[in-house]
PDB file of N, CA and C in Angstrom:
ATOM      1  N   UNK A   1       7.049  -4.135  -9.411  1.00  0.00           N
ATOM      2  CA  UNK A   1       5.698  -3.614  -9.346  1.00  0.00           C
ATOM      3  C   UNK A   1       4.766  -4.637  -9.992  1.00  0.00           C
ATOM      4  N   UNK A   2       3.708  -4.965  -9.279  1.00  0.00           N
ATOM      5  CA  UNK A   2       2.752  -5.935  -9.814  1.00  0.00           C
ATOM      6  C   UNK A   2       1.845  -5.266 -10.838  1.00  0.00           C
ATOM      7  N   UNK A   3       1.147  -6.102 -11.582  1.00  0.00           N
ATOM      8  CA  UNK A   3       0.197  -5.606 -12.583  1.00  0.00           C
ATOM      9  C   UNK A   3      -0.882  -4.774 -11.905  1.00  0.00           C
ATOM     10  N   UNK A   4      -1.330  -5.211 -10.736  1.00  0.00           N
ATOM     11  CA  UNK A   4      -2.374  -4.490 -10.006  1.00  0.00           C
ATOM     12  C   UNK A   4      -1.868  -3.109  -9.577  1.00  0.00           C
ATOM     13  N   UNK A   5      -0.633  -3.041  -9.063  1.00  0.00           N
ATOM     14  CA  UNK A   5      -0.073  -1.751  -8.656  1.00  0.00           C
ATOM     15  C   UNK A   5       0.117  -0.837  -9.860  1.00  0.00           C
ATOM     16  N   UNK A   6       0.557  -1.403 -10.959  1.00  0.00           N
ATOM     17  CA  UNK A   6       0.735  -0.616 -12.183  1.00  0.00           C
ATOM     18  C   UNK A   6      -0.602  -0.050 -12.660  1.00  0.00           C
ATOM     19  N   UNK A   7      -1.626  -0.903 -12.687  1.00  0.00           N
ATOM     20  CA  UNK A   7      -2.954  -0.453 -13.119  1.00  0.00           C
ATOM     21  C   UNK A   7      -3.482   0.634 -12.196  1.00  0.00           C
ATOM     22  N   UNK A   8      -3.271   0.485 -10.907  1.00  0.00           N
ATOM     23  CA  UNK A   8      -3.696   1.486  -9.943  1.00  0.00           C
ATOM     24  C   UNK A   8      -2.964   2.805 -10.174  1.00  0.00           C
ATOM     25  N   UNK A   9      -1.670   2.741 -10.444  1.00  0.00           N
ATOM     26  CA  UNK A   9      -0.887   3.953 -10.690  1.00  0.00           C
ATOM     27  C   UNK A   9      -1.341   4.662 -11.964  1.00  0.00           C
ATOM     28  N   UNK A  10      -1.566   3.899 -13.014  1.00  0.00           N
ATOM     29  CA  UNK A  10      -2.032   4.493 -14.268  1.00  0.00           C
ATOM     30  C   UNK A  10      -3.417   5.104 -14.075  1.00  0.00           C
ATOM     31  N   UNK A  11      -4.297   4.423 -13.383  1.00  0.00           N
ATOM     32  CA  UNK A  11      -5.631   4.945 -13.109  1.00  0.00           C
ATOM     33  C   UNK A  11      -5.585   6.237 -12.309  1.00  0.00           C
ATOM     34  N   UNK A  12      -4.714   6.291 -11.311  1.00  0.00           N
ATOM     35  CA  UNK A  12      -4.577   7.526 -10.517  1.00  0.00           C
ATOM     36  C   UNK A  12      -4.038   8.669 -11.360  1.00  0.00           C
ATOM     37  N   UNK A  13      -3.093   8.356 -12.227  1.00  0.00           N
ATOM     38  CA  UNK A  13      -2.529   9.391 -13.104  1.00  0.00           C
ATOM     39  C   UNK A  13      -3.616   9.993 -13.985  1.00  0.00           C
ATOM     40  N   UNK A  14      -4.409   9.146 -14.640  1.00  0.00           N
ATOM     41  CA  UNK A  14      -5.454   9.640 -15.533  1.00  0.00           C
ATOM     42  C   UNK A  14      -6.577  10.330 -14.772  1.00  0.00           C
ATOM     43  N   UNK A  15      -6.862   9.881 -13.563  1.00  0.00           N
ATOM     44  CA  UNK A  15      -7.870  10.554 -12.740  1.00  0.00           C
ATOM     45  C   UNK A  15      -7.398  11.960 -12.378  1.00  0.00           C
ATOM     46  N   UNK A  16      -6.131  12.100 -12.050  1.00  0.00           N
ATOM     47  CA  UNK A  16      -5.583  13.424 -11.737  1.00  0.00           C
ATOM     48  C   UNK A  16      -5.552  14.309 -12.973  1.00  0.00           C
ATOM     49  N   UNK A  17      -5.207  13.750 -14.121  1.00  0.00           N
ATOM     50  CA  UNK A  17      -5.223  14.527 -15.364  1.00  0.00           C
ATOM     51  C   UNK A  17      -6.643  14.996 -15.684  1.00  0.00           C
ATOM     52  N   UNK A  18      -7.626  14.142 -15.497  1.00  0.00           N
ATOM     53  CA  UNK A  18      -9.022  14.508 -15.745  1.00  0.00           C
ATOM     54  C   UNK A  18      -9.474  15.593 -14.765  1.00  0.00           C
ATOM     55  N   UNK A  19      -9.082  15.474 -13.503  1.00  0.00           N
ATOM     56  CA  UNK A  19      -9.437  16.485 -12.513  1.00  0.00           C
ATOM     57  C   UNK A  19      -8.811  17.832 -12.865  1.00  0.00           C
ATOM     58  N   UNK A  20      -7.558  17.816 -13.274  1.00  0.00           N
ATOM     59  CA  UNK A  20      -6.867  19.049 -13.654  1.00  0.00           C
ATOM     60  C   UNK A  20      -7.573  19.724 -14.827  1.00  0.00           C
ATOM     61  N   UNK A  21      -7.925  18.952 -15.852  1.00  0.00           N
ATOM     62  CA  UNK A  21      -8.618  19.528 -17.009  1.00  0.00           C
ATOM     63  C   UNK A  21     -10.019  20.012 -16.640  1.00  0.00           C
ATOM     64  N   UNK A  22     -10.703  19.287 -15.765  1.00  0.00           N
ATOM     65  CA  UNK A  22     -12.050  19.690 -15.356  1.00  0.00           C
ATOM     66  C   UNK A  22     -12.028  20.990 -14.565  1.00  0.00           C
ATOM     67  N   UNK A  23     -10.960  21.219 -13.803  1.00  0.00           N
ATOM     68  CA  UNK A  23     -10.847  22.430 -12.993  1.00  0.00           C
ATOM     69  C   UNK A  23     -10.266  23.616 -13.757  1.00  0.00           C
ATOM     70  N   UNK A  24      -9.733  23.381 -14.949  1.00  0.00           N
ATOM     71  CA  UNK A  24      -9.089  24.452 -15.708  1.00  0.00           C
ATOM     72  C   UNK A  24     -10.119  25.381 -16.331  1.00  0.00           C
ATOM     73  N   UNK A  25      -9.875  26.677 -16.222  1.00  0.00           N
ATOM     74  CA  UNK A  25     -10.737  27.635 -16.896  1.00  0.00           C
ATOM     75  C   UNK A  25     -10.445  27.653 -18.392  1.00  0.00           C
ATOM     76  N   UNK A  26      -9.188  27.463 -18.738  1.00  0.00           N
ATOM     77  CA  UNK A  26      -8.774  27.415 -20.144  1.00  0.00           C
ATOM     78  C   UNK A  26      -8.108  26.059 -20.374  1.00  0.00           C
ATOM     79  N   UNK A  27      -8.624  25.312 -21.343  1.00  0.00           N
ATOM     80  CA  UNK A  27      -8.052  23.994 -21.620  1.00  0.00           C
ATOM     81  C   UNK A  27      -6.767  24.141 -22.421  1.00  0.00           C
ATOM     82  N   UNK A  28      -5.729  23.420 -22.034  1.00  0.00           N
ATOM     83  CA  UNK A  28      -4.440  23.526 -22.727  1.00  0.00           C
ATOM     84  C   UNK A  28      -4.384  22.648 -23.975  1.00  0.00           C
ATOM     85  N   UNK A  29      -5.256  22.952 -24.937  1.00  0.00           N
ATOM     86  CA  UNK A  29      -5.235  22.183 -26.178  1.00  0.00           C
ATOM     87  C   UNK A  29      -5.695  23.060 -27.322  1.00  0.00           C
ATOM     88  N   UNK A  30      -5.363  22.655 -28.509  1.00  0.00           N
ATOM     89  CA  UNK A  30      -5.748  23.381 -29.714  1.00  0.00           C
ATOM     90  C   UNK A  30      -7.165  22.981 -30.095  1.00  0.00           C
ATOM     91  N   UNK A  31      -8.045  23.956 -30.201  1.00  0.00           N
ATOM     92  CA  UNK A  31      -9.437  23.656 -30.530  1.00  0.00           C
ATOM     93  C   UNK A  31      -9.566  23.082 -31.935  1.00  0.00           C
ATOM     94  N   UNK A  32      -8.731  23.529 -32.861  1.00  0.00           N
ATOM     95  CA  UNK A  32      -8.809  22.985 -34.221  1.00  0.00           C
ATOM     96  C   UNK A  32      -8.313  21.541 -34.260  1.00  0.00           C
ATOM     97  N   UNK A  33      -7.298  21.231 -33.487  1.00  0.00           N
ATOM     98  CA  UNK A  33      -6.827  19.836 -33.421  1.00  0.00           C
ATOM     99  C   UNK A  33      -7.862  18.954 -32.729  1.00  0.00           C
ATOM    100  N   UNK A  34      -8.512  19.519 -31.718  1.00  0.00           N
ATOM    101  CA  UNK A  34      -9.566  18.778 -31.011  1.00  0.00           C
ATOM    102  C   UNK A  34     -10.704  18.449 -31.969  1.00  0.00           C
ATOM    103  N   UNK A  35     -11.124  19.432 -32.776  1.00  0.00           N
ATOM    104  CA  UNK A  35     -12.193  19.205 -33.747  1.00  0.00           C
ATOM    105  C   UNK A  35     -11.780  18.140 -34.762  1.00  0.00           C
ATOM    106  N   UNK A  36     -10.537  18.200 -35.222  1.00  0.00           N
ATOM    107  CA  UNK A  36     -10.044  17.201 -36.180  1.00  0.00           C
ATOM    108  C   UNK A  36     -10.012  15.810 -35.543  1.00  0.00           C
ATOM    109  N   UNK A  37      -9.605  15.746 -34.287  1.00  0.00           N
ATOM    110  CA  UNK A  37      -9.568  14.450 -33.589  1.00  0.00           C
ATOM    111  C   UNK A  37     -10.975  13.884 -33.421  1.00  0.00           C
ATOM    112  N   UNK A  38     -11.933  14.744 -33.081  1.00  0.00           N
ATOM    113  CA  UNK A  38     -13.317  14.286 -32.974  1.00  0.00           C
ATOM    114  C   UNK A  38     -13.822  13.749 -34.308  1.00  0.00           C
ATOM    115  N   UNK A  39     -13.528  14.454 -35.400  1.00  0.00           N
ATOM    116  CA  UNK A  39     -13.941  14.013 -36.734  1.00  0.00           C
ATOM    117  C   UNK A  39     -13.322  12.645 -37.042  1.00  0.00           C
ATOM    118  N   UNK A  40     -12.046  12.488 -36.720  1.00  0.00           N
ATOM    119  CA  UNK A  40     -11.372  11.206 -36.956  1.00  0.00           C
ATOM    120  C   UNK A  40     -12.016  10.083 -36.143  1.00  0.00           C
ATOM    121  N   UNK A  41     -12.391  10.393 -34.903  1.00  0.00           N
ATOM    122  CA  UNK A  41     -13.015   9.367 -34.056  1.00  0.00           C
ATOM    123  C   UNK A  41     -14.386   8.956 -34.581  1.00  0.00           C
ATOM    124  N   UNK A  42     -15.173   9.928 -35.039  1.00  0.00           N
ATOM    125  CA  UNK A  42     -16.485   9.606 -35.602  1.00  0.00           C
ATOM    126  C   UNK A  42     -16.310   8.770 -36.865  1.00  0.00           C
ATOM    127  N   UNK A  43     -15.354   9.157 -37.711  1.00  0.00           N
ATOM    128  CA  UNK A  43     -15.086   8.391 -38.934  1.00  0.00           C
ATOM    129  C   UNK A  43     -14.633   6.968 -38.611  1.00  0.00           C
ATOM    130  N   UNK A  44     -13.762   6.833 -37.610  1.00  0.00           N
ATOM    131  CA  UNK A  44     -13.264   5.510 -37.219  1.00  0.00           C
ATOM    132  C   UNK A  44     -14.397   4.653 -36.654  1.00  0.00           C
ATOM    133  N   UNK A  45     -15.244   5.261 -35.850  1.00  0.00           N
ATOM    134  CA  UNK A  45     -16.388   4.546 -35.303  1.00  0.00           C
ATOM    135  C   UNK A  45     -17.296   4.052 -36.422  1.00  0.00           C
ATOM    136  N   UNK A  46     -17.517   4.897 -37.422  1.00  0.00           N
ATOM    137  CA  UNK A  46     -18.357   4.499 -38.551  1.00  0.00           C
ATOM    138  C   UNK A  46     -17.702   3.371 -39.352  1.00  0.00           C
ATOM    139  N   UNK A  47     -16.391   3.457 -39.560  1.00  0.00           N
ATOM    140  CA  UNK A  47     -15.697   2.396 -40.303  1.00  0.00           C
ATOM    141  C   UNK A  47     -15.753   1.067 -39.547  1.00  0.00           C
ATOM    142  N   UNK A  48     -15.514   1.138 -38.236  1.00  0.00           N
ATOM    143  CA  UNK A  48     -15.429  -0.095 -37.448  1.00  0.00           C
ATOM    144  C   UNK A  48     -16.796  -0.699 -37.115  1.00  0.00           C
ATOM    145  N   UNK A  49     -17.779   0.149 -36.855  1.00  0.00           N
ATOM    146  CA  UNK A  49     -19.044  -0.364 -36.336  1.00  0.00           C
ATOM    147  C   UNK A  49     -20.277   0.151 -37.076  1.00  0.00           C
ATOM    148  N   UNK A  50     -20.077   0.976 -38.107  1.00  0.00           N
ATOM    149  CA  UNK A  50     -21.201   1.561 -38.827  1.00  0.00           C
ATOM    150  C   UNK A  50     -22.205   0.560 -39.355  1.00  0.00           C
ATOM    151  N   UNK A  51     -21.755  -0.477 -40.090  1.00  0.00           N
ATOM    152  CA  UNK A  51     -22.727  -1.446 -40.614  1.00  0.00           C
ATOM    153  C   UNK A  51     -23.532  -2.147 -39.510  1.00  0.00           C
ATOM    154  N   UNK A  52     -22.873  -2.521 -38.421  1.00  0.00           N
ATOM    155  CA  UNK A  52     -23.565  -3.172 -37.308  1.00  0.00           C
ATOM    156  C   UNK A  52     -24.540  -2.209 -36.643  1.00  0.00           C
ATOM    157  N   UNK A  53     -24.113  -0.952 -36.483  1.00  0.00           N
ATOM    158  CA  UNK A  53     -25.003   0.042 -35.878  1.00  0.00           C
ATOM    159  C   UNK A  53     -26.243   0.264 -36.743  1.00  0.00           C
ATOM    160  N   UNK A  54     -26.032   0.436 -38.049  1.00  0.00           N
ATOM    161  CA  UNK A  54     -27.159   0.667 -38.955  1.00  0.00           C
ATOM    162  C   UNK A  54     -28.100  -0.530 -38.999  1.00  0.00           C
ATOM    163  N   UNK A  55     -27.531  -1.749 -38.923  1.00  0.00           N
ATOM    164  CA  UNK A  55     -28.355  -2.962 -38.917  1.00  0.00           C
ATOM    165  C   UNK A  55     -29.247  -3.026 -37.679  1.00  0.00           C
ATOM    166  N   UNK A  56     -28.829  -2.322 -36.619  1.00  0.00           N
ATOM    167  CA  UNK A  56     -29.606  -2.304 -35.378  1.00  0.00           C
ATOM    168  C   UNK A  56     -30.343  -0.985 -35.173  1.00  0.00           C
ATOM    169  N   UNK A  57     -30.471  -0.208 -36.255  1.00  0.00           N
ATOM    170  CA  UNK A  57     -31.255   1.023 -36.195  1.00  0.00           C
ATOM    171  C   UNK A  57     -30.563   2.213 -35.575  1.00  0.00           C
ATOM    172  N   UNK A  58     -29.242   2.151 -35.452  1.00  0.00           N
ATOM    173  CA  UNK A  58     -28.479   3.255 -34.875  1.00  0.00           C
ATOM    174  C   UNK A  58     -27.697   3.970 -35.965  1.00  0.00           C
ATOM    175  N   UNK A  59     -27.573   5.280 -35.829  1.00  0.00           N
ATOM    176  CA  UNK A  59     -26.771   6.041 -36.787  1.00  0.00           C
ATOM    177  C   UNK A  59     -25.869   7.015 -36.029  1.00  0.00           C
ATOM    178  N   UNK A  60     -24.938   7.568 -36.762  1.00  0.00           N
ATOM    179  CA  UNK A  60     -24.048   8.593 -36.216  1.00  0.00           C
ATOM    180  C   UNK A  60     -24.483   9.984 -36.674  1.00  0.00           C
ATOM    181  N   UNK A  61     -25.710  10.091 -37.148  1.00  0.00           N
ATOM    182  CA  UNK A  61     -26.196  11.361 -37.673  1.00  0.00           C
ATOM    183  C   UNK A  61     -26.123  12.495 -36.674  1.00  0.00           C
ATOM    184  N   UNK A  62     -26.559  12.258 -35.444  1.00  0.00           N
ATOM    185  CA  UNK A  62     -26.539  13.312 -34.432  1.00  0.00           C
ATOM    186  C   UNK A  62     -25.107  13.710 -34.093  1.00  0.00           C
ATOM    187  N   UNK A  63     -24.216  12.730 -33.986  1.00  0.00           N
ATOM    188  CA  UNK A  63     -22.810  13.040 -33.701  1.00  0.00           C
ATOM    189  C   UNK A  63     -22.215  13.870 -34.834  1.00  0.00           C
ATOM    190  N   UNK A  64     -22.513  13.509 -36.074  1.00  0.00           N
ATOM    191  CA  UNK A  64     -22.003  14.261 -37.220  1.00  0.00           C
ATOM    192  C   UNK A  64     -22.584  15.668 -37.248  1.00  0.00           C
ATOM    193  N   UNK A  65     -23.878  15.803 -36.934  1.00  0.00           N
ATOM    194  CA  UNK A  65     -24.504  17.128 -36.893  1.00  0.00           C
ATOM    195  C   UNK A  65     -23.891  18.004 -35.811  1.00  0.00           C
ATOM    196  N   UNK A  66     -23.705  17.451 -34.633  1.00  0.00           N
ATOM    197  CA  UNK A  66     -23.102  18.210 -33.530  1.00  0.00           C
ATOM    198  C   UNK A  66     -21.676  18.614 -33.865  1.00  0.00           C
ATOM    199  N   UNK A  67     -20.945  17.719 -34.476  1.00  0.00           N
ATOM    200  CA  UNK A  67     -19.576  18.035 -34.870  1.00  0.00           C
ATOM    201  C   UNK A  67     -19.551  19.143 -35.913  1.00  0.00           C
ATOM    202  N   UNK A  68     -20.487  19.126 -36.862  1.00  0.00           N
ATOM    203  CA  UNK A  68     -20.570  20.176 -37.871  1.00  0.00           C
ATOM    204  C   UNK A  68     -20.820  21.530 -37.212  1.00  0.00           C
ATOM    205  N   UNK A  69     -21.754  21.568 -36.266  1.00  0.00           N
ATOM    206  CA  UNK A  69     -22.058  22.820 -35.567  1.00  0.00           C
ATOM    207  C   UNK A  69     -20.858  23.285 -34.759  1.00  0.00           C
ATOM    208  N   UNK A  70     -20.182  22.353 -34.088  1.00  0.00           N
ATOM    209  CA  UNK A  70     -18.995  22.695 -33.307  1.00  0.00           C
ATOM    210  C   UNK A  70     -17.926  23.326 -34.187  1.00  0.00           C
ATOM    211  N   UNK A  71     -17.650  22.730 -35.337  1.00  0.00           N
ATOM    212  CA  UNK A  71     -16.629  23.257 -36.248  1.00  0.00           C
ATOM    213  C   UNK A  71     -17.055  24.616 -36.790  1.00  0.00           C
ATOM    214  N   UNK A  72     -18.338  24.772 -37.116  1.00  0.00           N
ATOM    215  CA  UNK A  72     -18.839  26.052 -37.626  1.00  0.00           C
ATOM    216  C   UNK A  72     -18.680  27.157 -36.578  1.00  0.00           C
ATOM    217  N   UNK A  73     -19.111  26.891 -35.345  1.00  0.00           N
ATOM    218  CA  UNK A  73     -19.009  27.886 -34.276  1.00  0.00           C
ATOM    219  C   UNK A  73     -17.542  28.160 -33.938  1.00  0.00           C
ATOM    220  N   UNK A  74     -16.729  27.131 -33.968  1.00  0.00           N
ATOM    221  CA  UNK A  74     -15.297  27.315 -33.730  1.00  0.00           C
ATOM    222  C   UNK A  74     -14.693  28.249 -34.771  1.00  0.00           C
ATOM    223  N   UNK A  75     -15.070  28.071 -36.030  1.00  0.00           N
ATOM    224  CA  UNK A  75     -14.583  28.953 -37.088  1.00  0.00           C
ATOM    225  C   UNK A  75     -14.999  30.390 -36.852  1.00  0.00           C
ATOM    226  N   UNK A  76     -16.251  30.596 -36.448  1.00  0.00           N
ATOM    227  CA  UNK A  76     -16.723  31.947 -36.153  1.00  0.00           C
ATOM    228  C   UNK A  76     -15.972  32.554 -34.971  1.00  0.00           C
ATOM    229  N   UNK A  77     -15.723  31.755 -33.948  1.00  0.00           N
ATOM    230  CA  UNK A  77     -14.984  32.230 -32.785  1.00  0.00           C
ATOM    231  C   UNK A  77     -13.567  32.630 -33.162  1.00  0.00           C
ATOM    232  N   UNK A  78     -12.910  31.827 -33.976  1.00  0.00           N
ATOM    233  CA  UNK A  78     -11.538  32.148 -34.379  1.00  0.00           C
ATOM    234  C   UNK A  78     -11.491  33.429 -35.204  1.00  0.00           C
ATOM    235  N   UNK A  79     -12.465  33.651 -36.060  1.00  0.00           N
ATOM    236  CA  UNK A  79     -12.531  34.905 -36.829  1.00  0.00           C
ATOM    237  C   UNK A  79     -12.752  36.075 -35.879  1.00  0.00           C
ATOM    238  N   UNK A  80     -13.670  35.923 -34.924  1.00  0.00           N
ATOM    239  CA  UNK A  80     -13.937  36.984 -33.954  1.00  0.00           C
ATOM    240  C   UNK A  80     -12.683  37.328 -33.162  1.00  0.00           C
ATOM    241  N   UNK A  81     -11.973  36.301 -32.683  1.00  0.00           N
ATOM    242  CA  UNK A  81     -10.756  36.545 -31.910  1.00  0.00           C
ATOM    243  C   UNK A  81      -9.678  37.207 -32.752  1.00  0.00           C
ATOM    244  N   UNK A  82      -9.590  36.826 -34.003  1.00  0.00           N
ATOM    245  CA  UNK A  82      -8.632  37.453 -34.909  1.00  0.00           C
ATOM    246  C   UNK A  82      -8.968  38.926 -35.112  1.00  0.00           C
ATOM    247  N   UNK A  83     -10.247  39.226 -35.348  1.00  0.00           N
ATOM    248  CA  UNK A  83     -10.687  40.618 -35.495  1.00  0.00           C
ATOM    249  C   UNK A  83     -10.452  41.409 -34.215  1.00  0.00           C
ATOM    250  N   UNK A  84     -10.701  40.792 -33.081  1.00  0.00           N
ATOM    251  CA  UNK A  84     -10.496  41.450 -31.797  1.00  0.00           C
ATOM    252  C   UNK A  84      -9.020  41.776 -31.588  1.00  0.00           C
ATOM    253  N   UNK A  85      -8.146  40.839 -31.958  1.00  0.00           N
ATOM    254  CA  UNK A  85      -6.706  41.059 -31.808  1.00  0.00           C
ATOM    255  C   UNK A  85      -6.257  42.225 -32.678  1.00  0.00           C
ATOM    256  N   UNK A  86      -6.824  42.359 -33.877  1.00  0.00           N
ATOM    257  CA  UNK A  86      -6.472  43.470 -34.768  1.00  0.00           C
ATOM    258  C   UNK A  86      -6.900  44.792 -34.119  1.00  0.00           C
ATOM    259  N   UNK A  87      -8.079  44.804 -33.512  1.00  0.00           N
ATOM    260  CA  UNK A  87      -8.579  46.035 -32.877  1.00  0.00           C
ATOM    261  C   UNK A  87      -7.764  46.418 -31.646  1.00  0.00           C
ATOM    262  N   UNK A  88      -7.337  45.436 -30.882  1.00  0.00           N
ATOM    263  CA  UNK A  88      -6.613  45.717 -29.643  1.00  0.00           C
ATOM    264  C   UNK A  88      -5.151  46.053 -29.852  1.00  0.00           C
ATOM    265  N   UNK A  89      -4.575  45.514 -30.898  1.00  0.00           N
ATOM    266  CA  UNK A  89      -3.131  45.712 -31.082  1.00  0.00           C
ATOM    267  C   UNK A  89      -2.914  46.468 -32.318  1.00  0.00           C
TER     268      UNK A  89
END
């Protein structure tokens, strides 16, 4: 298999995985792990490129704010689902 064929195969695989996730009503992943991964990515971006970004007038403030809101709402959702499970069962 040539490098070009390999790259094409990998690209098709990831395109199909993206299509499957985009069409899914329920994503097959842990929301708390997803939030932790996002936090790690923002932290890594800041470590790797933060000084250069700040020197050019860019910040990660909006990303950090959105992530904070996401984690807060996720926590509320998990409490709601837990309370709902107690009521139903």
